[in-house]
Amino acid sequence: MLDAEFVAAGHDDDDGILYSDASEEFFEGLKHLLTLTGSRRSGRSIEVELPIYTAKLEALRELALLNKKLMTKTWSCWLDGRTHCMACHACKGRQEFLGGW
């Protein structure tokens, strides 16, 4: 419906340890599935982008610090609440990664 060219996920390689739908195997399967469908207008399959899986952490940290306003729109918490719980593994990792801001 959106005529999307790609789907982006912000998982890192640790997420697949606890969640099967964040594992490398899951994304390989998803990539295969998306070759069977795609954009009707373009005729291309929908790509799966996993920028954090392969990125250098320092480069990501610099990018995040340069885009603090954008980072406020992202979600890391494992819980589905109004705010980050700041207690789960993902929240603690996010705080450590972002240097506490």
N, C-alpha and C. Protein backbone atom coordinates (compact mmCIF):
# COMPACT_ATOMS: atom_id res chain seq x y z
N MET A 1 0.82 -1.19 0.00
CA MET A 1 0.00 0.00 0.00
C MET A 1 0.86 1.26 0.00
N LEU A 2 2.03 1.19 0.62
CA LEU A 2 2.90 2.36 0.71
C LEU A 2 3.87 2.46 -0.44
N ASP A 3 3.94 1.41 -1.27
CA ASP A 3 4.90 1.35 -2.37
C ASP A 3 6.32 1.50 -1.85
N ALA A 4 6.59 0.85 -0.73
CA ALA A 4 7.90 0.94 -0.08
C ALA A 4 8.98 0.25 -0.90
N GLU A 5 10.16 0.81 -0.83
CA GLU A 5 11.32 0.20 -1.48
C GLU A 5 12.15 -0.59 -0.49
N PHE A 6 12.01 -0.28 0.80
CA PHE A 6 12.77 -1.00 1.82
C PHE A 6 12.06 -0.95 3.16
N VAL A 7 12.46 -1.87 4.03
CA VAL A 7 12.05 -1.91 5.42
C VAL A 7 13.34 -1.81 6.22
N ALA A 8 13.38 -0.91 7.19
CA ALA A 8 14.58 -0.75 8.01
C ALA A 8 14.29 -1.20 9.43
N ALA A 9 15.24 -1.91 10.01
CA ALA A 9 15.12 -2.34 11.39
C ALA A 9 16.36 -1.89 12.15
N GLY A 10 16.17 -1.44 13.37
CA GLY A 10 17.27 -0.91 14.16
C GLY A 10 17.84 -1.91 15.15
N HIS A 11 17.75 -3.19 14.83
CA HIS A 11 18.28 -4.22 15.73
C HIS A 11 19.79 -4.28 15.65
N ASP A 12 20.39 -4.66 16.78
CA ASP A 12 21.82 -4.96 16.74
C ASP A 12 21.99 -6.47 16.84
N ASP A 13 23.20 -6.93 16.72
CA ASP A 13 23.41 -8.37 16.68
C ASP A 13 23.13 -9.06 18.02
N ASP A 14 23.04 -8.33 19.12
CA ASP A 14 22.67 -8.93 20.41
C ASP A 14 21.19 -9.23 20.52
N ASP A 15 20.35 -8.49 19.82
CA ASP A 15 18.90 -8.66 19.95
C ASP A 15 18.44 -10.07 19.58
N GLY A 16 19.09 -10.68 18.61
CA GLY A 16 18.70 -12.01 18.17
C GLY A 16 18.96 -13.09 19.20
N ILE A 17 19.74 -12.81 20.21
CA ILE A 17 20.00 -13.78 21.27
C ILE A 17 18.72 -14.06 22.05
N LEU A 18 17.96 -13.01 22.32
CA LEU A 18 16.74 -13.15 23.12
C LEU A 18 15.47 -13.24 22.29
N TYR A 19 15.48 -12.66 21.11
CA TYR A 19 14.27 -12.57 20.30
C TYR A 19 14.52 -13.19 18.93
N SER A 20 13.80 -14.26 18.63
CA SER A 20 14.00 -14.94 17.36
C SER A 20 13.66 -14.05 16.17
N ASP A 21 12.75 -13.09 16.35
CA ASP A 21 12.39 -12.21 15.24
C ASP A 21 13.35 -11.02 15.10
N ALA A 22 14.49 -11.13 15.75
CA ALA A 22 15.55 -10.13 15.58
C ALA A 22 16.87 -10.84 15.25
N SER A 23 16.78 -12.10 14.89
CA SER A 23 17.98 -12.87 14.60
C SER A 23 18.36 -12.74 13.13
N GLU A 24 19.60 -13.08 12.85
CA GLU A 24 20.06 -13.05 11.46
C GLU A 24 19.24 -14.01 10.60
N GLU A 25 18.90 -15.17 11.16
CA GLU A 25 18.11 -16.15 10.42
C GLU A 25 16.73 -15.60 10.06
N PHE A 26 16.12 -14.89 11.01
CA PHE A 26 14.81 -14.29 10.75
C PHE A 26 14.90 -13.30 9.58
N PHE A 27 15.90 -12.43 9.62
CA PHE A 27 16.01 -11.43 8.57
C PHE A 27 16.37 -12.03 7.22
N GLU A 28 17.13 -13.11 7.22
CA GLU A 28 17.41 -13.81 5.96
C GLU A 28 16.11 -14.37 5.38
N GLY A 29 15.27 -14.96 6.24
CA GLY A 29 13.97 -15.47 5.81
C GLY A 29 13.06 -14.36 5.31
N LEU A 30 13.07 -13.23 6.01
CA LEU A 30 12.26 -12.09 5.60
C LEU A 30 12.72 -11.56 4.25
N LYS A 31 14.03 -11.48 4.06
CA LYS A 31 14.55 -11.03 2.76
C LYS A 31 14.07 -11.95 1.65
N HIS A 32 14.11 -13.26 1.90
CA HIS A 32 13.64 -14.21 0.88
C HIS A 32 12.15 -14.01 0.61
N LEU A 33 11.36 -13.90 1.67
CA LEU A 33 9.92 -13.69 1.52
C LEU A 33 9.63 -12.45 0.69
N LEU A 34 10.38 -11.39 0.94
CA LEU A 34 10.12 -10.14 0.23
C LEU A 34 10.57 -10.17 -1.23
N THR A 35 11.33 -11.19 -1.62
CA THR A 35 11.63 -11.33 -3.06
C THR A 35 10.40 -11.85 -3.81
N LEU A 36 9.44 -12.40 -3.07
CA LEU A 36 8.24 -12.94 -3.68
C LEU A 36 7.15 -11.90 -3.83
N THR A 37 7.36 -10.75 -3.27
CA THR A 37 6.41 -9.66 -3.35
C THR A 37 7.18 -8.42 -3.73
N GLY A 38 6.58 -7.29 -3.65
CA GLY A 38 7.31 -6.07 -3.94
C GLY A 38 6.39 -4.96 -4.39
N SER A 39 7.01 -3.95 -4.88
CA SER A 39 6.28 -2.78 -5.31
C SER A 39 5.62 -3.04 -6.66
N ARG A 40 4.34 -2.85 -6.73
CA ARG A 40 3.63 -3.03 -8.00
C ARG A 40 4.07 -2.01 -9.04
N ARG A 41 4.31 -0.79 -8.60
CA ARG A 41 4.69 0.27 -9.55
C ARG A 41 6.09 0.08 -10.10
N SER A 42 7.02 -0.28 -9.23
CA SER A 42 8.41 -0.37 -9.66
C SER A 42 8.79 -1.75 -10.15
N GLY A 43 8.07 -2.78 -9.69
CA GLY A 43 8.42 -4.13 -10.07
C GLY A 43 9.61 -4.69 -9.30
N ARG A 44 10.12 -3.94 -8.33
CA ARG A 44 11.28 -4.37 -7.52
C ARG A 44 10.80 -5.03 -6.24
N SER A 45 11.61 -5.92 -5.72
CA SER A 45 11.30 -6.49 -4.41
C SER A 45 11.64 -5.46 -3.33
N ILE A 46 11.08 -5.66 -2.17
CA ILE A 46 11.33 -4.76 -1.05
C ILE A 46 12.59 -5.23 -0.33
N GLU A 47 13.53 -4.34 -0.13
CA GLU A 47 14.79 -4.66 0.53
C GLU A 47 14.65 -4.57 2.04
N VAL A 48 15.52 -5.28 2.75
CA VAL A 48 15.58 -5.21 4.22
C VAL A 48 16.91 -4.57 4.58
N GLU A 49 16.85 -3.45 5.27
CA GLU A 49 18.05 -2.72 5.68
C GLU A 49 18.27 -2.92 7.18
N LEU A 50 19.46 -3.32 7.54
CA LEU A 50 19.84 -3.52 8.94
C LEU A 50 21.12 -2.74 9.21
N PRO A 51 21.03 -1.43 9.26
CA PRO A 51 22.25 -0.62 9.35
C PRO A 51 23.06 -0.82 10.62
N ILE A 52 22.43 -1.16 11.72
CA ILE A 52 23.15 -1.28 12.98
C ILE A 52 23.87 -2.63 13.08
N TYR A 53 23.37 -3.65 12.39
CA TYR A 53 24.03 -4.96 12.41
C TYR A 53 25.48 -4.86 11.96
N THR A 54 25.72 -4.02 10.96
CA THR A 54 27.04 -4.00 10.34
C THR A 54 27.83 -2.72 10.60
N ALA A 55 27.23 -1.77 11.28
CA ALA A 55 27.86 -0.46 11.47
C ALA A 55 28.92 -0.50 12.56
N LYS A 56 29.84 0.41 12.47
CA LYS A 56 30.84 0.61 13.52
C LYS A 56 30.18 1.41 14.64
N LEU A 57 30.31 0.95 15.88
CA LEU A 57 29.63 1.59 17.00
C LEU A 57 30.00 3.06 17.19
N GLU A 58 31.25 3.40 17.02
CA GLU A 58 31.65 4.80 17.21
C GLU A 58 30.99 5.70 16.17
N ALA A 59 30.90 5.24 14.94
CA ALA A 59 30.24 6.03 13.89
C ALA A 59 28.76 6.20 14.21
N LEU A 60 28.11 5.14 14.71
CA LEU A 60 26.71 5.24 15.10
C LEU A 60 26.51 6.20 16.26
N ARG A 61 27.40 6.14 17.24
CA ARG A 61 27.30 7.02 18.39
C ARG A 61 27.42 8.48 17.95
N GLU A 62 28.37 8.77 17.09
CA GLU A 62 28.54 10.14 16.59
C GLU A 62 27.30 10.60 15.84
N LEU A 63 26.75 9.73 15.01
CA LEU A 63 25.54 10.07 14.26
C LEU A 63 24.37 10.33 15.21
N ALA A 64 24.22 9.50 16.22
CA ALA A 64 23.14 9.68 17.20
C ALA A 64 23.30 10.99 17.95
N LEU A 65 24.51 11.32 18.36
CA LEU A 65 24.74 12.56 19.10
C LEU A 65 24.49 13.80 18.23
N LEU A 66 24.74 13.67 16.94
CA LEU A 66 24.47 14.78 16.02
C LEU A 66 22.98 14.94 15.74
N ASN A 67 22.21 13.89 16.00
CA ASN A 67 20.78 13.89 15.69
C ASN A 67 19.94 13.58 16.92
N LYS A 68 20.20 14.29 17.99
CA LYS A 68 19.51 14.03 19.26
C LYS A 68 17.99 14.13 19.11
N LYS A 69 17.52 15.10 18.35
CA LYS A 69 16.08 15.27 18.19
C LYS A 69 15.47 14.05 17.50
N LEU A 70 16.15 13.53 16.49
CA LEU A 70 15.68 12.33 15.80
C LEU A 70 15.71 11.13 16.75
N MET A 71 16.73 11.04 17.57
CA MET A 71 16.85 9.92 18.50
C MET A 71 15.71 9.89 19.51
N THR A 72 15.10 11.04 19.82
CA THR A 72 13.97 11.04 20.74
C THR A 72 12.76 10.35 20.13
N LYS A 73 12.76 10.15 18.83
CA LYS A 73 11.65 9.48 18.14
C LYS A 73 11.85 7.97 18.05
N THR A 74 13.01 7.48 18.50
CA THR A 74 13.29 6.05 18.41
C THR A 74 12.90 5.34 19.70
N TRP A 75 12.72 4.03 19.62
CA TRP A 75 12.27 3.24 20.76
C TRP A 75 13.20 2.06 20.94
N SER A 76 13.66 1.85 22.15
CA SER A 76 14.52 0.71 22.46
C SER A 76 13.93 -0.20 23.52
N CYS A 77 13.05 0.30 24.34
CA CYS A 77 12.52 -0.43 25.49
C CYS A 77 11.81 -1.71 25.08
N TRP A 78 12.00 -2.75 25.89
CA TRP A 78 11.32 -4.01 25.63
C TRP A 78 9.85 -3.96 26.05
N LEU A 79 9.49 -2.98 26.87
CA LEU A 79 8.12 -2.85 27.33
C LEU A 79 7.34 -1.91 26.43
N ASP A 80 6.04 -2.07 26.42
CA ASP A 80 5.17 -1.25 25.58
C ASP A 80 4.46 -0.22 26.46
N GLY A 81 5.21 0.77 26.88
CA GLY A 81 4.64 1.80 27.75
C GLY A 81 4.69 3.16 27.08
N ARG A 82 4.32 4.17 27.83
CA ARG A 82 4.34 5.54 27.30
C ARG A 82 5.76 6.10 27.25
N THR A 83 6.63 5.60 28.14
CA THR A 83 8.02 6.04 28.18
C THR A 83 8.92 4.81 28.34
N HIS A 84 10.19 5.02 28.10
CA HIS A 84 11.16 3.95 28.32
C HIS A 84 11.18 3.59 29.80
N CYS A 85 11.29 2.30 30.11
CA CYS A 85 11.28 1.87 31.52
C CYS A 85 12.61 2.18 32.22
N MET A 86 13.69 2.27 31.46
CA MET A 86 15.04 2.54 31.96
C MET A 86 15.59 1.42 32.84
N ALA A 87 14.92 0.26 32.86
CA ALA A 87 15.38 -0.86 33.68
C ALA A 87 15.72 -2.11 32.86
N CYS A 88 15.12 -2.27 31.70
CA CYS A 88 15.36 -3.47 30.90
C CYS A 88 16.73 -3.41 30.23
N HIS A 89 17.16 -4.54 29.68
CA HIS A 89 18.46 -4.65 29.02
C HIS A 89 18.60 -3.62 27.89
N ALA A 90 17.54 -3.45 27.10
CA ALA A 90 17.60 -2.51 25.98
C ALA A 90 17.73 -1.06 26.44
N CYS A 91 16.99 -0.68 27.45
CA CYS A 91 17.08 0.69 27.97
C CYS A 91 18.46 0.96 28.56
N LYS A 92 18.97 0.00 29.31
CA LYS A 92 20.30 0.17 29.90
C LYS A 92 21.37 0.26 28.83
N GLY A 93 21.25 -0.57 27.80
CA GLY A 93 22.20 -0.53 26.69
C GLY A 93 22.13 0.77 25.92
N ARG A 94 20.92 1.28 25.74
CA ARG A 94 20.74 2.56 25.04
C ARG A 94 21.41 3.68 25.83
N GLN A 95 21.17 3.69 27.15
CA GLN A 95 21.77 4.72 27.99
C GLN A 95 23.30 4.64 27.96
N GLU A 96 23.83 3.43 28.03
CA GLU A 96 25.27 3.25 27.97
C GLU A 96 25.81 3.71 26.62
N PHE A 97 25.13 3.33 25.54
CA PHE A 97 25.55 3.70 24.19
C PHE A 97 25.54 5.21 24.00
N LEU A 98 24.49 5.85 24.49
CA LEU A 98 24.32 7.30 24.27
C LEU A 98 25.01 8.12 25.35
N GLY A 99 25.68 7.49 26.26
CA GLY A 99 26.42 8.22 27.27
C GLY A 99 25.54 8.89 28.30
N GLY A 100 24.36 8.33 28.54
CA GLY A 100 23.50 8.82 29.61
C GLY A 100 22.51 9.91 29.25
N TRP A 101 22.49 10.39 28.02
CA TRP A 101 21.50 11.44 27.74
C TRP A 101 20.20 10.86 27.30
